[in-house]
Protein backbone atom coordinates (compact mmCIF):
# COMPACT_ATOMS: atom_id res chain seq x y z
CA MET A 1 -55.22 -9.83 -157.16
CA SER A 2 -53.10 -12.56 -157.88
CA ARG A 3 -53.71 -15.16 -161.02
CA ALA A 4 -51.37 -17.69 -159.31
CA GLY A 5 -53.65 -18.87 -157.10
CA ASP A 6 -52.34 -20.82 -153.85
CA GLY A 7 -55.73 -21.76 -152.82
CA SER A 8 -55.38 -19.87 -149.26
CA THR A 9 -57.52 -16.82 -150.83
CA PRO A 10 -60.36 -17.93 -153.36
CA ARG A 11 -59.85 -16.33 -156.27
CA GLU A 12 -62.60 -14.02 -158.52
CA ALA A 13 -63.64 -15.90 -162.02
CA ALA A 14 -65.45 -14.54 -164.77
CA PHE A 15 -67.92 -16.98 -166.32
CA PHE A 16 -68.52 -16.31 -170.10
CA ASP A 17 -71.82 -18.23 -172.22
CA VAL A 18 -70.56 -18.40 -175.94
CA ASP A 19 -73.12 -18.59 -178.22
CA GLY A 20 -75.10 -15.17 -178.44
CA THR A 21 -72.75 -13.91 -175.80
CA LEU A 22 -69.17 -14.01 -177.42
CA VAL A 23 -70.17 -14.81 -180.98
CA ASP A 24 -73.35 -14.31 -182.76
CA SER A 25 -73.77 -17.42 -183.86
CA THR A 26 -75.59 -20.78 -182.80
CA ILE A 27 -74.58 -24.61 -182.34
CA VAL A 28 -76.19 -24.43 -185.96
CA HIS A 29 -73.79 -22.85 -187.83
CA TYR A 30 -71.14 -25.02 -186.71
CA TYR A 31 -72.73 -28.07 -187.85
CA ALA A 32 -73.72 -26.71 -191.39
CA PHE A 33 -69.97 -25.88 -191.86
CA PHE A 34 -69.41 -29.41 -191.43
CA ARG A 35 -71.87 -30.79 -193.11
CA ARG A 36 -71.55 -28.91 -196.07
CA ARG A 37 -68.19 -28.34 -196.33
CA ASP A 38 -67.36 -30.85 -199.18
CA MET A 39 -70.46 -30.94 -200.96
CA ARG A 40 -70.70 -29.63 -204.36
CA PRO A 41 -72.50 -26.37 -204.60
CA LEU A 42 -75.63 -27.58 -205.93
CA VAL A 43 -76.08 -30.16 -203.56
CA ALA A 44 -75.03 -28.05 -200.74
CA ALA A 45 -77.81 -26.16 -201.90
CA ILE A 46 -80.51 -28.47 -201.63
CA TRP A 47 -79.07 -29.81 -198.53
CA HIS A 48 -79.54 -26.18 -197.18
CA VAL A 49 -83.11 -25.89 -198.03
CA ALA A 50 -84.19 -29.55 -196.50
CA PHE A 51 -82.33 -28.31 -193.31
CA LEU A 52 -84.04 -24.87 -193.17
CA ALA A 53 -87.45 -27.35 -192.96
CA LYS A 54 -85.98 -29.13 -189.88
CA CYS A 55 -84.84 -26.13 -188.28
CA VAL A 56 -88.39 -25.29 -187.64
CA GLY A 57 -88.62 -27.90 -185.38
CA PHE A 58 -85.27 -27.13 -183.71
CA ILE A 59 -86.73 -23.99 -183.17
CA LEU A 60 -89.92 -25.34 -181.34
CA ILE A 61 -87.82 -27.79 -179.36
CA ASP A 62 -85.63 -24.95 -178.22
CA LYS A 63 -88.18 -22.42 -177.12
CA ILE A 64 -89.49 -25.62 -175.09
CA ASN A 65 -86.46 -26.24 -173.20
CA ARG A 66 -82.52 -25.59 -174.81
CA THR A 67 -81.05 -29.18 -172.80
CA TRP A 68 -83.68 -30.96 -174.89
CA PHE A 69 -82.98 -29.31 -178.22
CA ASN A 70 -79.02 -29.98 -177.58
CA ARG A 71 -79.78 -33.83 -177.18
CA VAL A 72 -81.94 -33.95 -180.29
CA PHE A 73 -79.35 -31.39 -182.69
CA TYR A 74 -75.81 -33.53 -181.97
CA ARG A 75 -77.74 -36.51 -183.32
CA GLY A 76 -77.14 -35.16 -186.33
CA TYR A 77 -73.30 -35.08 -186.09
CA GLY A 78 -73.87 -39.46 -185.55
CA GLY A 79 -71.70 -41.35 -188.53
CA LEU A 80 -69.06 -38.32 -188.85
CA PRO A 81 -65.47 -39.03 -188.96
CA ALA A 82 -63.97 -38.02 -185.59
CA ALA A 83 -60.47 -37.54 -186.50
CA ARG A 84 -61.37 -35.15 -189.33
CA THR A 85 -64.13 -33.33 -187.67
CA LYS A 86 -62.03 -32.31 -184.95
CA ALA A 87 -59.28 -31.61 -187.42
CA LEU A 88 -61.18 -28.74 -189.00
CA ALA A 89 -61.85 -27.01 -185.84
CA ALA A 90 -59.44 -24.48 -186.67
CA GLU A 91 -60.90 -23.48 -190.03
CA CYS A 92 -64.50 -23.47 -189.06
CA TYR A 93 -62.90 -20.94 -186.20
CA GLU A 94 -61.70 -18.88 -189.01
CA LYS A 95 -64.45 -19.10 -191.34
CA VAL A 96 -67.65 -19.16 -188.91
CA ILE A 97 -66.77 -18.05 -185.45
CA ARG A 98 -63.97 -15.47 -186.04
CA PRO A 99 -66.17 -13.58 -188.46
CA ARG A 100 -69.03 -13.28 -185.88
CA ARG A 101 -67.07 -12.22 -182.97
CA PHE A 102 -68.61 -9.31 -180.51
CA ALA A 103 -65.59 -6.70 -180.45
CA GLU A 104 -66.53 -5.65 -176.86
CA GLY A 105 -66.37 -9.42 -175.47
CA ALA A 106 -62.45 -9.64 -176.43
CA SER A 107 -62.08 -6.46 -174.67
CA CYS A 108 -64.33 -7.48 -171.39
CA ILE A 109 -62.10 -10.49 -171.22
CA ASP A 110 -59.22 -8.58 -171.70
CA GLY A 111 -60.06 -6.47 -168.45
CA HIS A 112 -61.02 -9.64 -166.66
CA LEU A 113 -57.33 -10.94 -167.28
CA ARG A 114 -56.05 -7.56 -166.43
CA GLU A 115 -57.54 -7.92 -162.92
CA GLY A 116 -56.61 -11.11 -162.13
CA ARG A 117 -59.66 -12.88 -162.79
CA ARG A 118 -59.64 -16.55 -164.00
CA VAL A 119 -61.46 -16.60 -167.50
CA VAL A 120 -64.05 -19.76 -168.27
CA LEU A 121 -66.12 -20.11 -171.30
CA VAL A 122 -69.28 -22.13 -170.35
CA THR A 123 -70.96 -23.44 -173.01
CA GLY A 124 -73.23 -25.94 -175.07
CA SER A 125 -71.10 -26.00 -177.78
CA ILE A 126 -68.73 -29.20 -178.52
CA ASP A 127 -65.30 -28.51 -176.98
CA PHE A 128 -63.21 -28.89 -179.79
CA LEU A 129 -65.23 -26.46 -181.55
CA ILE A 130 -64.87 -24.23 -178.66
CA ALA A 131 -60.80 -24.86 -178.54
CA PRO A 132 -59.64 -22.38 -180.85
CA LEU A 133 -61.87 -19.74 -179.76
CA ALA A 134 -60.78 -20.04 -176.17
CA GLN A 135 -57.40 -20.29 -177.53
CA ALA A 136 -57.36 -16.42 -179.24
CA LEU A 137 -59.17 -14.63 -176.32
CA SER A 138 -56.55 -16.65 -173.99
CA ALA A 139 -59.23 -17.97 -171.70
CA ASP A 140 -58.10 -20.08 -168.83
CA ASP A 141 -60.92 -22.86 -169.06
CA VAL A 142 -63.60 -24.10 -170.92
CA ILE A 143 -66.75 -26.18 -169.51
CA ALA A 144 -67.81 -27.99 -172.62
CA PRO A 145 -69.67 -31.28 -174.08
CA ALA A 146 -68.25 -33.81 -175.95
CA LEU A 147 -69.26 -35.76 -178.19
CA VAL A 148 -69.00 -39.74 -178.12
CA GLU A 149 -66.85 -41.68 -180.13
CA ARG A 150 -66.91 -45.39 -180.89
CA ASP A 151 -65.11 -47.18 -184.13
CA GLY A 152 -63.31 -43.68 -185.13
CA VAL A 153 -66.54 -42.26 -185.73
CA PHE A 154 -69.27 -39.65 -183.30
CA THR A 155 -72.62 -41.75 -182.20
CA GLY A 156 -74.61 -38.54 -181.89
CA GLU A 157 -74.31 -39.05 -177.74
CA LEU A 158 -73.34 -36.61 -175.44
CA ASP A 159 -70.86 -37.84 -173.39
CA GLY A 160 -72.81 -36.23 -170.43
CA PRO A 161 -75.79 -33.88 -169.41
CA PRO A 162 -75.98 -30.49 -172.19
CA VAL A 163 -74.62 -27.88 -170.72
CA GLY A 164 -77.08 -25.77 -170.59
CA GLU A 165 -79.84 -24.21 -168.25
CA ALA A 166 -79.73 -25.65 -164.64
CA GLU A 167 -76.43 -27.67 -165.74
CA LYS A 168 -74.67 -24.81 -166.38
CA ALA A 169 -75.31 -23.40 -162.98
CA ARG A 170 -74.11 -26.57 -161.72
CA ARG A 171 -70.63 -26.90 -163.81
CA VAL A 172 -70.00 -23.27 -162.67
CA SER A 173 -70.61 -24.10 -159.14
CA ARG A 174 -68.71 -27.49 -159.20
CA PHE A 175 -65.83 -25.63 -160.88
CA ALA A 176 -65.99 -22.96 -158.23
CA GLU A 177 -65.74 -25.49 -155.60
CA GLU A 178 -62.80 -27.83 -156.93
CA HIS A 179 -60.77 -24.32 -157.60
CA GLY A 180 -61.52 -21.92 -154.68
CA ILE A 181 -63.49 -19.79 -156.80
CA ASP A 182 -65.54 -17.11 -154.69
CA LEU A 183 -68.60 -16.93 -156.67
CA ALA A 184 -69.77 -14.07 -154.19
CA GLY A 185 -67.07 -12.14 -156.04
CA SER A 186 -67.50 -13.14 -159.36
CA TYR A 187 -69.03 -12.58 -163.10
CA ALA A 188 -70.91 -14.10 -165.38
CA TYR A 189 -72.21 -13.08 -168.95
CA GLY A 190 -75.39 -14.28 -170.71
CA ASP A 191 -77.45 -13.85 -173.45
CA SER A 192 -80.59 -15.84 -173.32
CA ILE A 193 -82.87 -17.06 -170.22
CA ALA A 194 -81.57 -20.17 -170.22
CA ASP A 195 -78.48 -18.92 -168.92
CA ALA A 196 -80.36 -17.51 -165.88
CA PRO A 197 -79.38 -20.20 -163.72
CA MET A 198 -75.46 -19.59 -164.35
CA LEU A 199 -76.20 -15.79 -164.01
CA GLU A 200 -77.67 -16.44 -160.51
CA ARG A 201 -74.64 -17.99 -159.27
CA VAL A 202 -72.76 -15.08 -159.22
CA GLY A 203 -71.93 -11.87 -157.15
CA HIS A 204 -72.34 -9.76 -160.77
CA PRO A 205 -74.53 -10.89 -163.29
CA VAL A 206 -74.32 -9.64 -166.44
CA ALA A 207 -76.84 -10.01 -169.60
CA VAL A 208 -75.65 -9.11 -172.76
CA ASN A 209 -78.23 -8.65 -176.00
CA PRO A 210 -80.87 -10.42 -174.05
CA ASP A 211 -83.61 -12.59 -175.24
CA GLY A 212 -87.11 -10.85 -174.05
CA LYS A 213 -87.54 -12.79 -170.88
CA LEU A 214 -84.00 -12.50 -169.53
CA SER A 215 -84.07 -8.48 -170.33
CA ALA A 216 -87.25 -8.18 -168.06
CA MET A 217 -85.28 -10.49 -165.50
CA ALA A 218 -82.44 -8.19 -165.94
CA ARG A 219 -84.27 -5.10 -165.13
CA GLN A 220 -86.44 -6.63 -162.19
CA ARG A 221 -83.10 -7.73 -160.22
CA GLY A 222 -81.37 -4.35 -161.23
CA TRP A 223 -78.61 -6.67 -163.15
CA ARG A 224 -76.47 -5.19 -165.32
CA ILE A 225 -77.46 -5.39 -169.43
CA GLU A 226 -75.23 -4.74 -172.04
CA THR A 227 -75.14 -4.39 -176.01
CA TRP A 228 -72.57 -5.76 -177.83
CA THR A 229 -71.71 -5.59 -181.45
CA ARG A 230 -69.60 -7.20 -184.19
CA THR A 231 -68.47 -3.72 -185.42
CA GLY A 232 -67.52 -2.59 -181.44
CA VAL A 233 -70.12 -0.31 -181.12
CA GLY A 234 -72.37 -0.48 -177.96
CA GLY A 235 -71.71 -0.38 -174.67
CA ALA A 236 -73.79 -0.77 -170.53
CA GLN A 237 -76.87 0.72 -170.75
CA GLY A 238 -78.56 1.32 -166.95
CA ALA A 239 -80.40 -1.66 -165.87
């Protein structure tokens, strides 16, 4: 299968959720990095305690609706200087993302690339944060939201709908239509029930370290289930 893709023959792709699937992290880890980076230790400790209290509410919102959670959570970026925050993305990758990567994720992506599939990261995390990871994994494309900027600072608003739940599936379908991707022959990887709509769009869905609801769905539908770890120990289980 050619990676060139002249449009005459539909290509296959592999779509990967990021947080919880390729990386043992959440959007909370990234936000905490930016907020605490320049604080003195005592101030950072006080901020951390207050932030943990707020996280209780975030967890409840996330359980109700992942899209709602993303909208609420990203308001915290309001007021951060856009250029400086973007410039720190590489440091965030090295200190927060890279140590939490699942080794099997990189191996899986390498396999898809060797077989000629287009690798696409599909995530609710902000675009500039995921760019260093995409480069490190040699991903072809990233589907991610962006933060709105005004007068050099982030407003805390997204440039469109949060990329989660049904919106992930819509973005994947739109991408496939625009790039001549055969979804029936394509793969998708996710860890959460919020990824289910995306997984349902492809012919080869894979549940990675799935939460309880996604695990039950995967077993009921005969989807492949895989266990990935930071150390690279683990492998496929029978569905």
